[in-house]
Amino acid sequence: MRLNDFLTRELDGRGVVDNKRDVLPEEFFKDPTKYIRDKGALNEIQASGRYLSMKRAVKGEVIFDEDIRKLCDKGVNSLPGWSLAAAEVKAAVHNSNKHFLNAAAEEVRNPTTTSAPEKLEGLYESVHNARRSHAVELPDGVERKKTGTGMGVHEGKPEQSWKYREADDAIEENDAVQQFGVEHLPC
């Protein structure tokens, strides 16, 4: 996200800069006065909660990127590599990232989550145990009188109730009613 995107989306366009000064947020937060010269607009922007939230998020990303770069320079590019890294390599990483990496490495060593299937309960169970069925018209007789609707439910897939015919290079339904609907008037 670029500076103008942030200002437009989060701050209703206050302080939008010309395209030559539209930069990534990390550049903007290094020196905001370089990009927004109107002191009143800058003060209003800096007082907003959204600005402060974005500043914290960008700072966290910058620190994370620095730590990744340091670790890669030392040859640490995986969780097992982190587990085996020397103490001085780990000491160079910021505490928040260090705690995250330690927790992730511990989870790999001793998983606390299970992958066993869980029994679904309640409404979801009906979806889980669903069977295919379809409605059919019942013939005249006792069954039709029992339902009162003339319809019944049968399990399984329905029989194919329509026929196809070849038409040039395509296959189409052989049903005049569905092939030729009501004509529409031109608008």
N, C-alpha and C. Protein backbone atom coordinates (compact mmCIF):
# COMPACT_ATOMS: atom_id res chain seq x y z
N MET A 1 0.85 -1.16 0.00
CA MET A 1 0.00 0.00 0.00
C MET A 1 0.91 1.23 0.00
N ARG A 2 0.56 2.18 -0.82
CA ARG A 2 1.34 3.40 -0.90
C ARG A 2 0.70 4.48 -0.03
N LEU A 3 1.44 5.58 0.18
CA LEU A 3 0.99 6.65 1.06
C LEU A 3 -0.38 7.19 0.66
N ASN A 4 -0.58 7.49 -0.62
CA ASN A 4 -1.87 8.04 -1.05
C ASN A 4 -3.01 7.04 -0.84
N ASP A 5 -2.73 5.75 -1.03
CA ASP A 5 -3.76 4.73 -0.78
C ASP A 5 -4.19 4.78 0.68
N PHE A 6 -3.21 4.86 1.58
CA PHE A 6 -3.51 4.92 3.01
C PHE A 6 -4.29 6.19 3.35
N LEU A 7 -3.82 7.33 2.85
CA LEU A 7 -4.49 8.60 3.16
C LEU A 7 -5.91 8.63 2.61
N THR A 8 -6.10 8.06 1.43
CA THR A 8 -7.44 8.05 0.81
C THR A 8 -8.37 7.10 1.55
N ARG A 9 -7.90 5.89 1.80
CA ARG A 9 -8.76 4.87 2.39
C ARG A 9 -9.04 5.11 3.87
N GLU A 10 -8.00 5.44 4.62
CA GLU A 10 -8.15 5.51 6.07
C GLU A 10 -8.45 6.90 6.60
N LEU A 11 -8.04 7.93 5.86
CA LEU A 11 -8.18 9.29 6.39
C LEU A 11 -8.96 10.19 5.43
N ASP A 12 -9.82 9.59 4.64
CA ASP A 12 -10.70 10.34 3.73
C ASP A 12 -9.96 11.28 2.80
N GLY A 13 -8.74 10.95 2.43
CA GLY A 13 -7.99 11.75 1.46
C GLY A 13 -7.28 12.95 2.04
N ARG A 14 -7.33 13.15 3.36
CA ARG A 14 -6.63 14.29 3.95
C ARG A 14 -5.13 14.14 3.75
N GLY A 15 -4.49 15.16 3.21
CA GLY A 15 -3.04 15.18 3.05
C GLY A 15 -2.52 14.44 1.84
N VAL A 16 -3.38 14.09 0.88
CA VAL A 16 -2.92 13.37 -0.31
C VAL A 16 -1.82 14.17 -0.99
N VAL A 17 -0.76 13.47 -1.38
CA VAL A 17 0.42 14.11 -1.96
C VAL A 17 0.45 13.90 -3.47
N ASP A 18 1.26 14.70 -4.18
CA ASP A 18 1.36 14.49 -5.62
C ASP A 18 2.13 13.20 -5.88
N ASN A 19 2.02 12.69 -7.09
CA ASN A 19 2.56 11.37 -7.41
C ASN A 19 4.06 11.25 -7.20
N LYS A 20 4.79 12.35 -7.31
CA LYS A 20 6.24 12.29 -7.13
C LYS A 20 6.61 11.98 -5.67
N ARG A 21 5.68 12.30 -4.75
CA ARG A 21 5.97 12.08 -3.33
C ARG A 21 5.14 10.94 -2.76
N ASP A 22 4.46 10.17 -3.60
CA ASP A 22 3.67 9.02 -3.14
C ASP A 22 4.61 7.85 -2.92
N VAL A 23 4.88 7.52 -1.67
CA VAL A 23 5.89 6.52 -1.32
C VAL A 23 5.27 5.41 -0.48
N LEU A 24 6.07 4.40 -0.20
CA LEU A 24 5.64 3.34 0.70
C LEU A 24 5.58 3.89 2.13
N PRO A 25 4.68 3.37 2.95
CA PRO A 25 4.51 3.90 4.31
C PRO A 25 5.78 3.94 5.15
N GLU A 26 6.66 2.94 5.01
CA GLU A 26 7.87 2.96 5.84
C GLU A 26 8.74 4.18 5.55
N GLU A 27 8.77 4.62 4.29
CA GLU A 27 9.51 5.85 3.95
C GLU A 27 8.82 7.06 4.54
N PHE A 28 7.51 7.09 4.47
CA PHE A 28 6.74 8.22 5.01
C PHE A 28 6.96 8.36 6.51
N PHE A 29 6.92 7.26 7.25
CA PHE A 29 7.03 7.34 8.70
C PHE A 29 8.43 7.73 9.17
N LYS A 30 9.45 7.57 8.32
CA LYS A 30 10.80 8.02 8.68
C LYS A 30 10.83 9.54 8.84
N ASP A 31 10.16 10.26 7.93
CA ASP A 31 10.13 11.73 7.99
C ASP A 31 8.85 12.24 7.33
N PRO A 32 7.74 12.26 8.06
CA PRO A 32 6.45 12.67 7.49
C PRO A 32 6.44 14.10 6.94
N THR A 33 7.25 15.00 7.54
CA THR A 33 7.25 16.40 7.08
C THR A 33 7.81 16.53 5.67
N LYS A 34 8.57 15.56 5.24
CA LYS A 34 9.13 15.57 3.88
C LYS A 34 8.04 15.38 2.83
N TYR A 35 6.96 14.69 3.22
CA TYR A 35 5.91 14.34 2.26
C TYR A 35 4.64 15.16 2.43
N ILE A 36 4.33 15.59 3.65
CA ILE A 36 3.15 16.43 3.89
C ILE A 36 3.64 17.72 4.51
N ARG A 37 3.62 18.78 3.71
CA ARG A 37 4.20 20.05 4.15
C ARG A 37 3.21 20.93 4.90
N ASP A 38 1.92 20.65 4.78
CA ASP A 38 0.90 21.42 5.50
C ASP A 38 0.90 20.95 6.95
N LYS A 39 1.41 21.80 7.84
CA LYS A 39 1.57 21.44 9.25
C LYS A 39 0.24 21.07 9.91
N GLY A 40 -0.83 21.81 9.60
CA GLY A 40 -2.14 21.53 10.18
C GLY A 40 -2.66 20.16 9.77
N ALA A 41 -2.53 19.86 8.46
CA ALA A 41 -2.99 18.55 7.96
C ALA A 41 -2.16 17.43 8.58
N LEU A 42 -0.84 17.64 8.69
CA LEU A 42 0.03 16.62 9.26
C LEU A 42 -0.32 16.37 10.73
N ASN A 43 -0.55 17.43 11.49
CA ASN A 43 -0.93 17.27 12.90
C ASN A 43 -2.25 16.51 13.04
N GLU A 44 -3.21 16.84 12.18
CA GLU A 44 -4.51 16.16 12.21
C GLU A 44 -4.36 14.67 11.88
N ILE A 45 -3.54 14.39 10.88
CA ILE A 45 -3.30 13.00 10.48
C ILE A 45 -2.61 12.23 11.61
N GLN A 46 -1.56 12.84 12.20
CA GLN A 46 -0.79 12.16 13.24
C GLN A 46 -1.59 11.95 14.53
N ALA A 47 -2.64 12.73 14.72
CA ALA A 47 -3.47 12.58 15.92
C ALA A 47 -4.51 11.48 15.78
N SER A 48 -4.69 10.96 14.57
CA SER A 48 -5.74 9.96 14.35
C SER A 48 -5.29 8.57 14.82
N GLY A 49 -6.24 7.79 15.27
CA GLY A 49 -5.95 6.42 15.69
C GLY A 49 -5.48 5.54 14.55
N ARG A 50 -6.02 5.78 13.37
CA ARG A 50 -5.62 4.96 12.20
C ARG A 50 -4.16 5.19 11.85
N TYR A 51 -3.71 6.44 11.97
CA TYR A 51 -2.31 6.76 11.71
C TYR A 51 -1.42 6.00 12.69
N LEU A 52 -1.78 6.06 13.97
CA LEU A 52 -0.97 5.40 14.99
C LEU A 52 -0.96 3.88 14.80
N SER A 53 -2.10 3.31 14.42
CA SER A 53 -2.16 1.86 14.16
C SER A 53 -1.27 1.49 12.99
N MET A 54 -1.33 2.29 11.92
CA MET A 54 -0.51 2.01 10.74
C MET A 54 0.97 2.18 11.09
N LYS A 55 1.30 3.18 11.88
CA LYS A 55 2.69 3.40 12.26
C LYS A 55 3.24 2.20 13.03
N ARG A 56 2.44 1.68 13.98
CA ARG A 56 2.85 0.49 14.73
C ARG A 56 3.03 -0.71 13.80
N ALA A 57 2.08 -0.90 12.89
CA ALA A 57 2.15 -2.04 11.97
C ALA A 57 3.39 -1.95 11.08
N VAL A 58 3.66 -0.76 10.56
CA VAL A 58 4.82 -0.58 9.69
C VAL A 58 6.10 -0.80 10.47
N LYS A 59 6.16 -0.29 11.70
CA LYS A 59 7.35 -0.49 12.53
C LYS A 59 7.58 -1.98 12.76
N GLY A 60 6.50 -2.72 13.05
CA GLY A 60 6.62 -4.16 13.24
C GLY A 60 7.13 -4.87 11.99
N GLU A 61 6.65 -4.45 10.82
CA GLU A 61 7.11 -5.05 9.56
C GLU A 61 8.57 -4.75 9.30
N VAL A 62 8.99 -3.52 9.58
CA VAL A 62 10.39 -3.13 9.37
C VAL A 62 11.30 -3.96 10.27
N ILE A 63 10.92 -4.10 11.54
CA ILE A 63 11.71 -4.90 12.48
C ILE A 63 11.75 -6.36 12.03
N PHE A 64 10.61 -6.88 11.60
CA PHE A 64 10.54 -8.26 11.12
C PHE A 64 11.47 -8.46 9.92
N ASP A 65 11.42 -7.52 8.96
CA ASP A 65 12.29 -7.62 7.78
C ASP A 65 13.77 -7.55 8.15
N GLU A 66 14.12 -6.68 9.11
CA GLU A 66 15.51 -6.59 9.56
C GLU A 66 15.96 -7.92 10.16
N ASP A 67 15.11 -8.51 11.00
CA ASP A 67 15.46 -9.78 11.63
C ASP A 67 15.60 -10.89 10.60
N ILE A 68 14.72 -10.92 9.62
CA ILE A 68 14.83 -11.94 8.56
C ILE A 68 16.16 -11.78 7.83
N ARG A 69 16.50 -10.54 7.50
CA ARG A 69 17.75 -10.28 6.79
C ARG A 69 18.95 -10.75 7.63
N LYS A 70 18.95 -10.43 8.93
CA LYS A 70 20.04 -10.86 9.82
C LYS A 70 20.15 -12.38 9.87
N LEU A 71 19.01 -13.04 10.01
CA LEU A 71 19.02 -14.51 10.10
C LEU A 71 19.50 -15.14 8.80
N CYS A 72 19.03 -14.63 7.67
CA CYS A 72 19.46 -15.17 6.38
C CYS A 72 20.96 -14.98 6.18
N ASP A 73 21.47 -13.82 6.60
CA ASP A 73 22.92 -13.57 6.49
C ASP A 73 23.72 -14.58 7.31
N LYS A 74 23.14 -15.08 8.39
CA LYS A 74 23.81 -16.08 9.24
C LYS A 74 23.47 -17.51 8.83
N GLY A 75 22.72 -17.67 7.73
CA GLY A 75 22.40 -19.01 7.24
C GLY A 75 21.20 -19.67 7.90
N VAL A 76 20.43 -18.91 8.66
CA VAL A 76 19.24 -19.46 9.32
C VAL A 76 18.03 -19.15 8.45
N ASN A 77 17.46 -20.19 7.83
CA ASN A 77 16.31 -19.96 6.93
C ASN A 77 15.18 -20.97 7.14
N SER A 78 15.15 -21.60 8.31
CA SER A 78 14.08 -22.55 8.62
C SER A 78 13.95 -22.67 10.14
N LEU A 79 12.85 -23.26 10.59
CA LEU A 79 12.67 -23.46 12.04
C LEU A 79 13.72 -24.39 12.63
N PRO A 80 14.06 -25.50 11.95
CA PRO A 80 15.15 -26.31 12.50
C PRO A 80 16.46 -25.51 12.56
N GLY A 81 16.69 -24.66 11.56
CA GLY A 81 17.88 -23.80 11.58
C GLY A 81 17.86 -22.85 12.76
N TRP A 82 16.69 -22.31 13.08
CA TRP A 82 16.54 -21.43 14.25
C TRP A 82 16.85 -22.20 15.53
N SER A 83 16.34 -23.42 15.63
CA SER A 83 16.57 -24.23 16.83
C SER A 83 18.05 -24.51 17.04
N LEU A 84 18.78 -24.67 15.96
CA LEU A 84 20.20 -25.01 16.04
C LEU A 84 21.11 -23.78 16.04
N ALA A 85 20.56 -22.59 15.86
CA ALA A 85 21.37 -21.37 15.75
C ALA A 85 22.11 -21.08 17.05
N ALA A 86 23.26 -20.46 16.89
CA ALA A 86 24.08 -20.09 18.05
C ALA A 86 23.38 -19.00 18.86
N ALA A 87 23.75 -18.90 20.13
CA ALA A 87 23.13 -17.93 21.04
C ALA A 87 23.31 -16.50 20.55
N GLU A 88 24.47 -16.17 19.98
CA GLU A 88 24.69 -14.79 19.51
C GLU A 88 23.82 -14.46 18.29
N VAL A 89 23.48 -15.47 17.48
CA VAL A 89 22.58 -15.25 16.35
C VAL A 89 21.18 -14.96 16.88
N LYS A 90 20.73 -15.74 17.85
CA LYS A 90 19.41 -15.53 18.44
C LYS A 90 19.33 -14.20 19.19
N ALA A 91 20.44 -13.79 19.81
CA ALA A 91 20.46 -12.54 20.58
C ALA A 91 20.28 -11.32 19.67
N ALA A 92 20.63 -11.45 18.40
CA ALA A 92 20.53 -10.32 17.47
C ALA A 92 19.10 -10.09 16.98
N VAL A 93 18.18 -10.99 17.32
CA VAL A 93 16.78 -10.90 16.88
C VAL A 93 15.96 -10.18 17.94
N HIS A 94 15.05 -9.31 17.53
CA HIS A 94 14.18 -8.59 18.46
C HIS A 94 13.33 -9.59 19.26
N ASN A 95 13.02 -9.22 20.50
CA ASN A 95 12.31 -10.13 21.41
C ASN A 95 10.98 -10.63 20.85
N SER A 96 10.19 -9.75 20.24
CA SER A 96 8.88 -10.19 19.74
C SER A 96 9.03 -11.29 18.69
N ASN A 97 9.99 -11.13 17.80
CA ASN A 97 10.22 -12.15 16.77
C ASN A 97 10.87 -13.40 17.37
N LYS A 98 11.73 -13.19 18.35
CA LYS A 98 12.38 -14.33 19.01
C LYS A 98 11.33 -15.22 19.69
N HIS A 99 10.38 -14.60 20.40
CA HIS A 99 9.32 -15.38 21.07
C HIS A 99 8.47 -16.13 20.04
N PHE A 100 8.16 -15.47 18.95
CA PHE A 100 7.37 -16.11 17.89
C PHE A 100 8.12 -17.31 17.31
N LEU A 101 9.40 -17.14 17.01
CA LEU A 101 10.20 -18.24 16.43
C LEU A 101 10.37 -19.38 17.43
N ASN A 102 10.59 -19.05 18.70
CA ASN A 102 10.71 -20.11 19.72
C ASN A 102 9.42 -20.90 19.84
N ALA A 103 8.28 -20.20 19.84
CA ALA A 103 6.99 -20.88 19.96
C ALA A 103 6.73 -21.76 18.74
N ALA A 104 7.06 -21.27 17.55
CA ALA A 104 6.84 -22.06 16.33
C ALA A 104 7.75 -23.29 16.32
N ALA A 105 8.99 -23.13 16.73
CA ALA A 105 9.91 -24.27 16.78
C ALA A 105 9.44 -25.31 17.80
N GLU A 106 8.93 -24.84 18.94
CA GLU A 106 8.41 -25.75 19.96
C GLU A 106 7.19 -26.51 19.44
N GLU A 107 6.33 -25.82 18.71
CA GLU A 107 5.14 -26.47 18.13
C GLU A 107 5.54 -27.56 17.13
N VAL A 108 6.61 -27.32 16.39
CA VAL A 108 7.09 -28.34 15.44
C VAL A 108 7.63 -29.54 16.21
N ARG A 109 8.37 -29.28 17.29
CA ARG A 109 8.93 -30.38 18.09
C ARG A 109 7.85 -31.16 18.83
N ASN A 110 6.91 -30.46 19.44
CA ASN A 110 5.86 -31.08 20.25
C ASN A 110 4.50 -30.52 19.83
N PRO A 111 3.92 -31.08 18.80
CA PRO A 111 2.64 -30.53 18.32
C PRO A 111 1.55 -30.62 19.39
N THR A 112 0.84 -29.53 19.57
CA THR A 112 -0.26 -29.51 20.54
C THR A 112 -1.61 -29.64 19.84
N THR A 113 -1.60 -29.52 18.54
CA THR A 113 -2.85 -29.66 17.80
C THR A 113 -2.94 -31.07 17.25
N THR A 114 -4.15 -31.56 17.12
CA THR A 114 -4.36 -32.90 16.58
C THR A 114 -5.01 -32.79 15.21
N SER A 115 -4.80 -33.81 14.44
CA SER A 115 -5.42 -33.82 13.12
C SER A 115 -6.51 -34.89 13.03
N ALA A 116 -6.93 -35.41 14.19
CA ALA A 116 -7.99 -36.42 14.19
C ALA A 116 -9.32 -35.77 13.81
N PRO A 117 -10.14 -36.49 13.08
CA PRO A 117 -11.44 -35.91 12.70
C PRO A 117 -12.31 -35.72 13.93
N GLU A 118 -13.09 -34.66 13.89
CA GLU A 118 -14.00 -34.38 14.99
C GLU A 118 -15.41 -34.77 14.58
N LYS A 119 -16.18 -35.25 15.55
CA LYS A 119 -17.57 -35.60 15.27
C LYS A 119 -18.37 -34.31 15.18
N LEU A 120 -19.06 -34.16 14.08
CA LEU A 120 -19.88 -32.98 13.89
C LEU A 120 -21.18 -33.15 14.63
N GLU A 121 -21.63 -32.08 15.27
CA GLU A 121 -22.86 -32.15 16.04
C GLU A 121 -23.85 -31.12 15.53
N GLY A 122 -25.11 -31.35 15.86
CA GLY A 122 -26.14 -30.36 15.55
C GLY A 122 -26.47 -30.29 14.07
N LEU A 123 -26.67 -29.08 13.59
CA LEU A 123 -27.09 -28.88 12.21
C LEU A 123 -26.07 -29.37 11.20
N TYR A 124 -24.78 -29.25 11.53
CA TYR A 124 -23.76 -29.66 10.57
C TYR A 124 -23.79 -31.16 10.33
N GLU A 125 -24.22 -31.92 11.33
CA GLU A 125 -24.28 -33.36 11.18
C GLU A 125 -25.22 -33.75 10.04
N SER A 126 -26.31 -32.99 9.88
CA SER A 126 -27.26 -33.31 8.81
C SER A 126 -26.60 -33.14 7.45
N VAL A 127 -25.72 -32.18 7.33
CA VAL A 127 -25.01 -31.98 6.06
C VAL A 127 -23.98 -33.09 5.89
N HIS A 128 -23.29 -33.42 6.96
CA HIS A 128 -22.26 -34.45 6.92
C HIS A 128 -22.83 -35.81 6.51
N ASN A 129 -24.03 -36.14 6.97
CA ASN A 129 -24.64 -37.43 6.69
C ASN A 129 -25.69 -37.36 5.59
N ALA A 130 -25.67 -36.33 4.80
CA ALA A 130 -26.69 -36.15 3.77
C ALA A 130 -26.63 -37.27 2.73
N ARG A 131 -27.80 -37.62 2.22
CA ARG A 131 -27.90 -38.61 1.14
C ARG A 131 -28.61 -37.97 -0.02
N ARG A 132 -28.33 -38.46 -1.19
CA ARG A 132 -28.97 -37.91 -2.37
C ARG A 132 -30.37 -38.48 -2.49
N SER A 133 -31.34 -37.62 -2.80
CA SER A 133 -32.70 -38.06 -3.06
C SER A 133 -33.33 -37.08 -4.04
N HIS A 134 -34.49 -37.45 -4.56
CA HIS A 134 -35.16 -36.60 -5.53
C HIS A 134 -36.67 -36.79 -5.42
N ALA A 135 -37.40 -35.80 -5.89
CA ALA A 135 -38.87 -35.87 -5.86
C ALA A 135 -39.37 -36.53 -7.13
N VAL A 136 -40.41 -37.33 -6.98
CA VAL A 136 -41.03 -37.98 -8.14
C VAL A 136 -42.55 -37.83 -8.04
N GLU A 137 -43.19 -37.84 -9.18
CA GLU A 137 -44.65 -37.80 -9.20
C GLU A 137 -45.15 -39.22 -8.98
N LEU A 138 -46.08 -39.38 -8.06
CA LEU A 138 -46.61 -40.70 -7.76
C LEU A 138 -47.78 -41.02 -8.69
N PRO A 139 -47.89 -42.29 -9.10
CA PRO A 139 -49.03 -42.66 -9.94
C PRO A 139 -50.32 -42.64 -9.12
N ASP A 140 -51.44 -42.56 -9.82
CA ASP A 140 -52.73 -42.60 -9.12
C ASP A 140 -52.81 -43.88 -8.30
N GLY A 141 -53.35 -43.79 -7.13
CA GLY A 141 -53.49 -44.97 -6.29
C GLY A 141 -53.31 -44.62 -4.83
N VAL A 142 -53.02 -45.67 -4.06
CA VAL A 142 -52.95 -45.55 -2.61
C VAL A 142 -51.84 -44.58 -2.17
N GLU A 143 -50.63 -44.73 -2.74
CA GLU A 143 -49.51 -43.88 -2.35
C GLU A 143 -49.81 -42.41 -2.59
N ARG A 144 -50.41 -42.11 -3.71
CA ARG A 144 -50.73 -40.72 -4.05
C ARG A 144 -51.72 -40.15 -3.03
N LYS A 145 -52.69 -40.95 -2.63
CA LYS A 145 -53.68 -40.49 -1.66
C LYS A 145 -53.07 -40.31 -0.28
N LYS A 146 -52.07 -41.14 0.08
CA LYS A 146 -51.42 -41.02 1.38
C LYS A 146 -50.71 -39.67 1.53
N THR A 147 -49.99 -39.27 0.50
CA THR A 147 -49.20 -38.03 0.60
C THR A 147 -50.07 -36.80 0.48
N GLY A 148 -51.12 -36.88 -0.29
CA GLY A 148 -51.98 -35.73 -0.49
C GLY A 148 -51.42 -34.73 -1.48
N THR A 149 -50.18 -34.91 -1.88
CA THR A 149 -49.57 -33.97 -2.83
C THR A 149 -49.35 -34.59 -4.19
N GLY A 150 -49.36 -35.90 -4.23
CA GLY A 150 -49.06 -36.57 -5.49
C GLY A 150 -47.57 -36.68 -5.75
N MET A 151 -46.75 -36.28 -4.76
CA MET A 151 -45.30 -36.32 -4.91
C MET A 151 -44.70 -37.19 -3.81
N GLY A 152 -43.59 -37.82 -4.12
CA GLY A 152 -42.89 -38.63 -3.14
C GLY A 152 -41.40 -38.43 -3.26
N VAL A 153 -40.65 -38.87 -2.26
CA VAL A 153 -39.20 -38.73 -2.26
C VAL A 153 -38.59 -40.11 -2.43
N HIS A 154 -37.67 -40.23 -3.39
CA HIS A 154 -36.96 -41.48 -3.62
C HIS A 154 -35.48 -41.22 -3.40
N GLU A 155 -34.80 -42.21 -2.80
CA GLU A 155 -33.36 -42.07 -2.58
C GLU A 155 -32.61 -42.32 -3.87
N GLY A 156 -31.43 -41.75 -3.97
CA GLY A 156 -30.56 -41.96 -5.11
C GLY A 156 -30.73 -40.87 -6.16
N LYS A 157 -30.00 -41.05 -7.25
CA LYS A 157 -30.07 -40.08 -8.34
C LYS A 157 -31.34 -40.30 -9.15
N PRO A 158 -31.91 -39.22 -9.68
CA PRO A 158 -33.10 -39.39 -10.52
C PRO A 158 -32.71 -39.98 -11.87
N GLU A 159 -33.66 -40.67 -12.46
CA GLU A 159 -33.42 -41.14 -13.82
C GLU A 159 -33.38 -39.92 -14.72
N GLN A 160 -32.66 -40.03 -15.81
CA GLN A 160 -32.60 -38.90 -16.74
C GLN A 160 -33.98 -38.75 -17.37
N SER A 161 -34.60 -37.60 -17.16
CA SER A 161 -35.99 -37.44 -17.58
C SER A 161 -36.12 -36.69 -18.90
N TRP A 162 -35.05 -36.46 -19.56
CA TRP A 162 -35.15 -35.77 -20.84
C TRP A 162 -34.28 -36.48 -21.85
N LYS A 163 -34.53 -36.24 -23.07
CA LYS A 163 -33.80 -36.86 -24.17
C LYS A 163 -32.98 -35.79 -24.88
N TYR A 164 -31.87 -36.22 -25.43
CA TYR A 164 -31.04 -35.30 -26.19
C TYR A 164 -31.11 -35.67 -27.66
N ARG A 165 -30.85 -34.69 -28.49
CA ARG A 165 -30.74 -34.95 -29.93
C ARG A 165 -29.56 -34.15 -30.45
N GLU A 166 -28.97 -34.65 -31.51
CA GLU A 166 -27.86 -33.94 -32.11
C GLU A 166 -28.40 -32.80 -32.96
N ALA A 167 -27.76 -31.65 -32.84
CA ALA A 167 -28.14 -30.49 -33.63
C ALA A 167 -26.85 -29.85 -34.12
N ASP A 168 -26.56 -30.04 -35.39
CA ASP A 168 -25.30 -29.56 -35.97
C ASP A 168 -24.13 -30.13 -35.17
N ASP A 169 -23.32 -29.26 -34.59
CA ASP A 169 -22.15 -29.71 -33.83
C ASP A 169 -22.41 -29.77 -32.33
N ALA A 170 -23.66 -29.63 -31.91
CA ALA A 170 -23.98 -29.59 -30.48
C ALA A 170 -25.02 -30.64 -30.14
N ILE A 171 -25.19 -30.86 -28.86
CA ILE A 171 -26.25 -31.74 -28.37
C ILE A 171 -27.19 -30.85 -27.59
N GLU A 172 -28.49 -30.93 -27.89
CA GLU A 172 -29.46 -30.11 -27.17
C GLU A 172 -30.63 -30.96 -26.72
N GLU A 173 -31.38 -30.43 -25.76
CA GLU A 173 -32.54 -31.16 -25.26
C GLU A 173 -33.58 -31.28 -26.36
N ASN A 174 -34.21 -32.43 -26.42
CA ASN A 174 -35.26 -32.67 -27.40
C ASN A 174 -36.59 -32.36 -26.73
N ASP A 175 -36.82 -31.09 -26.44
CA ASP A 175 -38.01 -30.67 -25.72
C ASP A 175 -38.43 -29.32 -26.29
N ALA A 176 -39.47 -29.32 -27.08
CA ALA A 176 -39.89 -28.11 -27.75
C ALA A 176 -40.27 -27.01 -26.77
N VAL A 177 -40.82 -27.36 -25.63
CA VAL A 177 -41.23 -26.34 -24.66
C VAL A 177 -40.02 -25.59 -24.12
N GLN A 178 -38.97 -26.32 -23.78
CA GLN A 178 -37.80 -25.65 -23.23
C GLN A 178 -36.95 -25.00 -24.31
N GLN A 179 -36.99 -25.51 -25.51
CA GLN A 179 -36.19 -24.93 -26.58
C GLN A 179 -36.75 -23.60 -27.06
N PHE A 180 -38.04 -23.48 -27.09
CA PHE A 180 -38.66 -22.29 -27.64
C PHE A 180 -39.53 -21.64 -26.59
N GLY A 181 -38.97 -20.68 -25.87
CA GLY A 181 -39.71 -19.99 -24.83
C GLY A 181 -40.49 -18.83 -25.41
N VAL A 182 -41.02 -18.01 -24.54
CA VAL A 182 -41.78 -16.84 -24.93
C VAL A 182 -40.86 -15.86 -25.61
N GLU A 183 -41.33 -15.30 -26.71
CA GLU A 183 -40.51 -14.31 -27.40
C GLU A 183 -40.44 -13.04 -26.57
N HIS A 184 -39.27 -12.43 -26.57
CA HIS A 184 -39.09 -11.18 -25.85
C HIS A 184 -39.17 -10.03 -26.84
N LEU A 185 -39.79 -8.97 -26.42
CA LEU A 185 -39.88 -7.79 -27.27
C LEU A 185 -38.55 -7.06 -27.24
N PRO A 186 -38.13 -6.52 -28.39
CA PRO A 186 -36.87 -5.77 -28.39
C PRO A 186 -37.03 -4.48 -27.57
N CYS A 187 -36.02 -4.14 -26.84
CA CYS A 187 -36.08 -2.92 -26.00
C CYS A 187 -35.51 -1.73 -26.72
